[in-house]
Amino acid sequence: MFFNIQEKNITVNGIRMNYVAFGNGKIPLIILPGLGDGLKSVRGQSAPLAIFYREFAQKFRVYIFSRKNVLDEGYTTKDMAKDQKGALEKLGIDRFYLMPTE
């Protein structure tokens, strides 16, 4: 499969988040799309994202997460960080490189 691409979602603490994963490396690289994710989530974007970030695909297993699918009023970036932490724990990822995009 091209870059070993996966497009999935994960449910943590009753919330659902979409993510894509690609690359053949052993080291996790987490890319956080930032607040612009509200305009366009990663859903349906796995191939374009893998092509755009292809330089990382040999060394890393790249994960790009969207925020949770339904936002509650008063949802903060601190809440987003807690959700992200829960998703990483559920996936068994405890050590990784982090690349924010905004």
N, C-alpha and C. Protein backbone atom coordinates (compact mmCIF):
# COMPACT_ATOMS: atom_id res chain seq x y z
N MET A 1 0.85 -1.19 0.00
CA MET A 1 0.00 0.00 0.00
C MET A 1 0.89 1.24 0.00
N PHE A 2 0.47 2.25 -0.71
CA PHE A 2 1.19 3.51 -0.86
C PHE A 2 1.46 4.16 0.50
N PHE A 3 2.70 4.21 0.92
CA PHE A 3 3.10 4.80 2.20
C PHE A 3 2.46 4.11 3.40
N ASN A 4 1.85 2.92 3.20
CA ASN A 4 1.21 2.20 4.30
C ASN A 4 0.14 3.09 4.96
N ILE A 5 -0.71 3.68 4.17
CA ILE A 5 -1.71 4.66 4.64
C ILE A 5 -2.88 3.97 5.33
N GLN A 6 -3.30 4.56 6.44
CA GLN A 6 -4.52 4.16 7.13
C GLN A 6 -5.31 5.42 7.45
N GLU A 7 -6.61 5.34 7.29
CA GLU A 7 -7.51 6.43 7.70
C GLU A 7 -8.49 5.83 8.69
N LYS A 8 -8.44 6.33 9.92
CA LYS A 8 -9.21 5.71 11.00
C LYS A 8 -9.86 6.77 11.88
N ASN A 9 -10.62 6.29 12.85
CA ASN A 9 -11.10 7.15 13.93
C ASN A 9 -10.91 6.39 15.23
N ILE A 10 -10.90 7.13 16.30
CA ILE A 10 -10.70 6.55 17.62
C ILE A 10 -11.68 7.22 18.58
N THR A 11 -12.21 6.43 19.49
CA THR A 11 -13.13 6.95 20.50
C THR A 11 -12.44 6.90 21.85
N VAL A 12 -12.38 8.05 22.50
CA VAL A 12 -11.73 8.19 23.80
C VAL A 12 -12.63 9.02 24.69
N ASN A 13 -12.91 8.54 25.87
CA ASN A 13 -13.74 9.28 26.84
C ASN A 13 -15.06 9.76 26.21
N GLY A 14 -15.64 8.93 25.37
CA GLY A 14 -16.92 9.26 24.77
C GLY A 14 -16.86 10.21 23.58
N ILE A 15 -15.66 10.59 23.17
CA ILE A 15 -15.54 11.48 22.00
C ILE A 15 -14.87 10.71 20.87
N ARG A 16 -15.15 11.12 19.65
CA ARG A 16 -14.61 10.46 18.47
C ARG A 16 -13.73 11.44 17.70
N MET A 17 -12.54 10.96 17.32
CA MET A 17 -11.58 11.77 16.57
C MET A 17 -11.13 11.00 15.34
N ASN A 18 -11.01 11.70 14.21
CA ASN A 18 -10.47 11.10 12.99
C ASN A 18 -8.95 11.29 12.98
N TYR A 19 -8.26 10.33 12.37
CA TYR A 19 -6.82 10.50 12.17
C TYR A 19 -6.38 9.70 10.97
N VAL A 20 -5.24 10.09 10.43
CA VAL A 20 -4.59 9.31 9.37
C VAL A 20 -3.21 8.92 9.88
N ALA A 21 -2.74 7.79 9.40
CA ALA A 21 -1.40 7.32 9.74
C ALA A 21 -0.76 6.81 8.45
N PHE A 22 0.53 7.07 8.31
CA PHE A 22 1.26 6.59 7.15
C PHE A 22 2.74 6.56 7.47
N GLY A 23 3.48 5.92 6.62
CA GLY A 23 4.93 5.83 6.77
C GLY A 23 5.35 4.44 7.20
N ASN A 24 6.59 4.13 6.95
CA ASN A 24 7.13 2.81 7.23
C ASN A 24 8.12 2.80 8.38
N GLY A 25 8.34 3.95 8.99
CA GLY A 25 9.30 4.03 10.08
C GLY A 25 8.75 3.49 11.38
N LYS A 26 9.62 3.30 12.33
CA LYS A 26 9.24 2.78 13.65
C LYS A 26 8.97 3.90 14.66
N ILE A 27 9.48 5.08 14.39
CA ILE A 27 9.37 6.19 15.34
C ILE A 27 8.08 6.97 15.06
N PRO A 28 7.21 7.15 16.08
CA PRO A 28 5.99 7.94 15.86
C PRO A 28 6.29 9.43 15.74
N LEU A 29 5.69 10.06 14.74
CA LEU A 29 5.72 11.51 14.57
C LEU A 29 4.27 11.97 14.57
N ILE A 30 3.91 12.80 15.53
CA ILE A 30 2.55 13.31 15.64
C ILE A 30 2.52 14.71 15.03
N ILE A 31 1.63 14.91 14.06
CA ILE A 31 1.46 16.22 13.45
C ILE A 31 0.09 16.73 13.86
N LEU A 32 0.06 17.88 14.52
CA LEU A 32 -1.19 18.49 14.94
C LEU A 32 -1.54 19.62 13.98
N PRO A 33 -2.68 19.51 13.30
CA PRO A 33 -3.01 20.50 12.28
C PRO A 33 -3.40 21.87 12.81
N GLY A 34 -3.57 22.03 14.09
CA GLY A 34 -3.90 23.34 14.64
C GLY A 34 -5.36 23.68 14.49
N LEU A 35 -5.68 24.91 14.78
CA LEU A 35 -7.09 25.32 14.79
C LEU A 35 -7.71 25.36 13.40
N GLY A 36 -6.89 25.39 12.35
CA GLY A 36 -7.41 25.34 10.98
C GLY A 36 -8.11 24.03 10.66
N ASP A 37 -7.92 23.03 11.51
CA ASP A 37 -8.57 21.74 11.34
C ASP A 37 -10.09 21.88 11.34
N GLY A 38 -10.61 22.91 11.97
CA GLY A 38 -12.05 23.15 11.98
C GLY A 38 -12.60 23.46 10.60
N LEU A 39 -11.76 23.93 9.70
CA LEU A 39 -12.19 24.23 8.34
C LEU A 39 -12.19 22.99 7.46
N LYS A 40 -11.24 22.10 7.68
CA LYS A 40 -11.11 20.88 6.88
C LYS A 40 -10.43 19.83 7.74
N SER A 41 -11.14 18.75 8.05
CA SER A 41 -10.54 17.71 8.89
C SER A 41 -9.67 16.79 8.03
N VAL A 42 -9.02 15.85 8.68
CA VAL A 42 -8.15 14.92 7.96
C VAL A 42 -8.96 13.83 7.24
N ARG A 43 -10.22 13.72 7.55
CA ARG A 43 -11.05 12.69 6.93
C ARG A 43 -11.07 12.87 5.40
N GLY A 44 -10.74 11.80 4.69
CA GLY A 44 -10.71 11.84 3.24
C GLY A 44 -9.45 12.48 2.66
N GLN A 45 -8.50 12.82 3.52
CA GLN A 45 -7.28 13.52 3.07
C GLN A 45 -6.02 12.69 3.25
N SER A 46 -6.15 11.38 3.47
CA SER A 46 -4.98 10.57 3.80
C SER A 46 -3.93 10.57 2.69
N ALA A 47 -4.32 10.36 1.45
CA ALA A 47 -3.34 10.32 0.36
C ALA A 47 -2.67 11.68 0.14
N PRO A 48 -3.44 12.78 0.05
CA PRO A 48 -2.76 14.08 -0.11
C PRO A 48 -1.81 14.41 1.05
N LEU A 49 -2.21 14.06 2.28
CA LEU A 49 -1.34 14.33 3.43
C LEU A 49 -0.08 13.48 3.37
N ALA A 50 -0.22 12.22 2.98
CA ALA A 50 0.95 11.34 2.87
C ALA A 50 1.91 11.84 1.80
N ILE A 51 1.37 12.34 0.70
CA ILE A 51 2.23 12.89 -0.36
C ILE A 51 2.91 14.17 0.12
N PHE A 52 2.16 15.05 0.78
CA PHE A 52 2.71 16.32 1.25
C PHE A 52 3.84 16.10 2.27
N TYR A 53 3.65 15.13 3.17
CA TYR A 53 4.64 14.86 4.22
C TYR A 53 5.50 13.63 3.91
N ARG A 54 5.64 13.28 2.64
CA ARG A 54 6.34 12.06 2.24
C ARG A 54 7.78 11.99 2.70
N GLU A 55 8.43 13.13 2.90
CA GLU A 55 9.83 13.12 3.33
C GLU A 55 9.99 12.47 4.71
N PHE A 56 8.90 12.38 5.48
CA PHE A 56 8.97 11.78 6.81
C PHE A 56 8.61 10.30 6.80
N ALA A 57 8.10 9.78 5.68
CA ALA A 57 7.52 8.44 5.62
C ALA A 57 8.54 7.32 5.78
N GLN A 58 9.79 7.53 5.47
CA GLN A 58 10.79 6.46 5.62
C GLN A 58 11.22 6.29 7.08
N LYS A 59 11.45 7.38 7.76
CA LYS A 59 11.97 7.32 9.13
C LYS A 59 10.86 7.18 10.18
N PHE A 60 9.68 7.73 9.90
CA PHE A 60 8.63 7.82 10.90
C PHE A 60 7.35 7.07 10.50
N ARG A 61 6.57 6.74 11.51
CA ARG A 61 5.16 6.39 11.33
C ARG A 61 4.44 7.67 11.72
N VAL A 62 3.86 8.35 10.75
CA VAL A 62 3.28 9.67 10.94
C VAL A 62 1.79 9.55 11.27
N TYR A 63 1.36 10.28 12.29
CA TYR A 63 -0.04 10.34 12.68
C TYR A 63 -0.49 11.79 12.62
N ILE A 64 -1.60 12.04 11.94
CA ILE A 64 -2.18 13.38 11.90
C ILE A 64 -3.61 13.27 12.42
N PHE A 65 -3.89 13.98 13.49
CA PHE A 65 -5.18 13.90 14.17
C PHE A 65 -6.01 15.14 13.92
N SER A 66 -7.31 14.94 13.78
CA SER A 66 -8.26 16.05 13.83
C SER A 66 -8.76 16.18 15.26
N ARG A 67 -9.31 17.31 15.57
CA ARG A 67 -9.96 17.47 16.88
C ARG A 67 -11.20 16.59 16.90
N LYS A 68 -11.87 16.52 18.04
CA LYS A 68 -13.05 15.68 18.12
C LYS A 68 -14.11 16.16 17.13
N ASN A 69 -14.97 15.25 16.72
CA ASN A 69 -15.92 15.54 15.64
C ASN A 69 -16.99 16.57 16.01
N VAL A 70 -17.46 16.55 17.24
CA VAL A 70 -18.52 17.48 17.65
C VAL A 70 -17.98 18.33 18.81
N LEU A 71 -17.92 19.63 18.60
CA LEU A 71 -17.40 20.53 19.64
C LEU A 71 -18.53 21.00 20.55
N ASP A 72 -18.24 20.98 21.85
CA ASP A 72 -19.18 21.51 22.83
C ASP A 72 -18.90 22.99 23.03
N GLU A 73 -19.90 23.72 23.46
CA GLU A 73 -19.69 25.13 23.79
C GLU A 73 -18.69 25.21 24.93
N GLY A 74 -17.73 26.09 24.82
CA GLY A 74 -16.72 26.27 25.85
C GLY A 74 -15.54 25.31 25.74
N TYR A 75 -15.49 24.53 24.68
CA TYR A 75 -14.40 23.58 24.46
C TYR A 75 -13.12 24.38 24.22
N THR A 76 -12.07 24.07 24.96
CA THR A 76 -10.84 24.87 24.91
C THR A 76 -9.67 24.07 24.30
N THR A 77 -8.58 24.77 24.04
CA THR A 77 -7.38 24.09 23.55
C THR A 77 -6.83 23.16 24.63
N LYS A 78 -7.04 23.48 25.89
CA LYS A 78 -6.64 22.58 26.98
C LYS A 78 -7.45 21.28 26.89
N ASP A 79 -8.74 21.39 26.59
CA ASP A 79 -9.57 20.21 26.39
C ASP A 79 -9.08 19.40 25.20
N MET A 80 -8.69 20.09 24.12
CA MET A 80 -8.14 19.41 22.94
C MET A 80 -6.89 18.61 23.30
N ALA A 81 -6.03 19.21 24.12
CA ALA A 81 -4.80 18.53 24.52
C ALA A 81 -5.11 17.28 25.34
N LYS A 82 -6.10 17.36 26.22
CA LYS A 82 -6.49 16.18 27.01
C LYS A 82 -7.03 15.08 26.10
N ASP A 83 -7.83 15.46 25.12
CA ASP A 83 -8.36 14.48 24.17
C ASP A 83 -7.23 13.83 23.37
N GLN A 84 -6.28 14.64 22.94
CA GLN A 84 -5.14 14.12 22.18
C GLN A 84 -4.33 13.15 23.02
N LYS A 85 -4.09 13.51 24.26
CA LYS A 85 -3.35 12.64 25.18
C LYS A 85 -4.08 11.30 25.33
N GLY A 86 -5.38 11.34 25.49
CA GLY A 86 -6.16 10.11 25.61
C GLY A 86 -6.07 9.24 24.37
N ALA A 87 -6.10 9.86 23.19
CA ALA A 87 -6.00 9.11 21.93
C ALA A 87 -4.63 8.43 21.82
N LEU A 88 -3.58 9.17 22.15
CA LEU A 88 -2.24 8.60 22.08
C LEU A 88 -2.08 7.43 23.06
N GLU A 89 -2.62 7.60 24.27
CA GLU A 89 -2.55 6.51 25.25
C GLU A 89 -3.29 5.28 24.75
N LYS A 90 -4.46 5.47 24.17
CA LYS A 90 -5.25 4.35 23.66
C LYS A 90 -4.53 3.63 22.53
N LEU A 91 -3.79 4.37 21.71
CA LEU A 91 -3.02 3.77 20.62
C LEU A 91 -1.69 3.18 21.10
N GLY A 92 -1.38 3.38 22.38
CA GLY A 92 -0.13 2.84 22.92
C GLY A 92 1.10 3.64 22.55
N ILE A 93 0.90 4.90 22.22
CA ILE A 93 2.02 5.77 21.84
C ILE A 93 2.39 6.62 23.05
N ASP A 94 3.56 6.35 23.63
CA ASP A 94 3.95 7.13 24.80
C ASP A 94 5.21 7.97 24.58
N ARG A 95 5.95 7.66 23.53
CA ARG A 95 7.13 8.47 23.16
C ARG A 95 7.02 8.78 21.68
N PHE A 96 7.22 10.05 21.33
CA PHE A 96 7.01 10.46 19.94
C PHE A 96 7.65 11.82 19.71
N TYR A 97 7.81 12.15 18.45
CA TYR A 97 8.17 13.50 18.05
C TYR A 97 6.88 14.24 17.75
N LEU A 98 6.85 15.52 17.99
CA LEU A 98 5.65 16.32 17.80
C LEU A 98 5.95 17.48 16.85
N MET A 99 5.07 17.67 15.86
CA MET A 99 5.21 18.78 14.94
C MET A 99 3.87 19.52 14.83
N PRO A 100 3.74 20.67 15.49
CA PRO A 100 2.54 21.47 15.28
C PRO A 100 2.65 22.20 13.94
N THR A 101 1.52 22.46 13.28
CA THR A 101 1.58 23.12 11.97
C THR A 101 1.17 24.58 12.03
N GLU A 102 0.67 25.05 13.15
CA GLU A 102 0.32 26.48 13.25
C GLU A 102 0.93 27.06 14.48
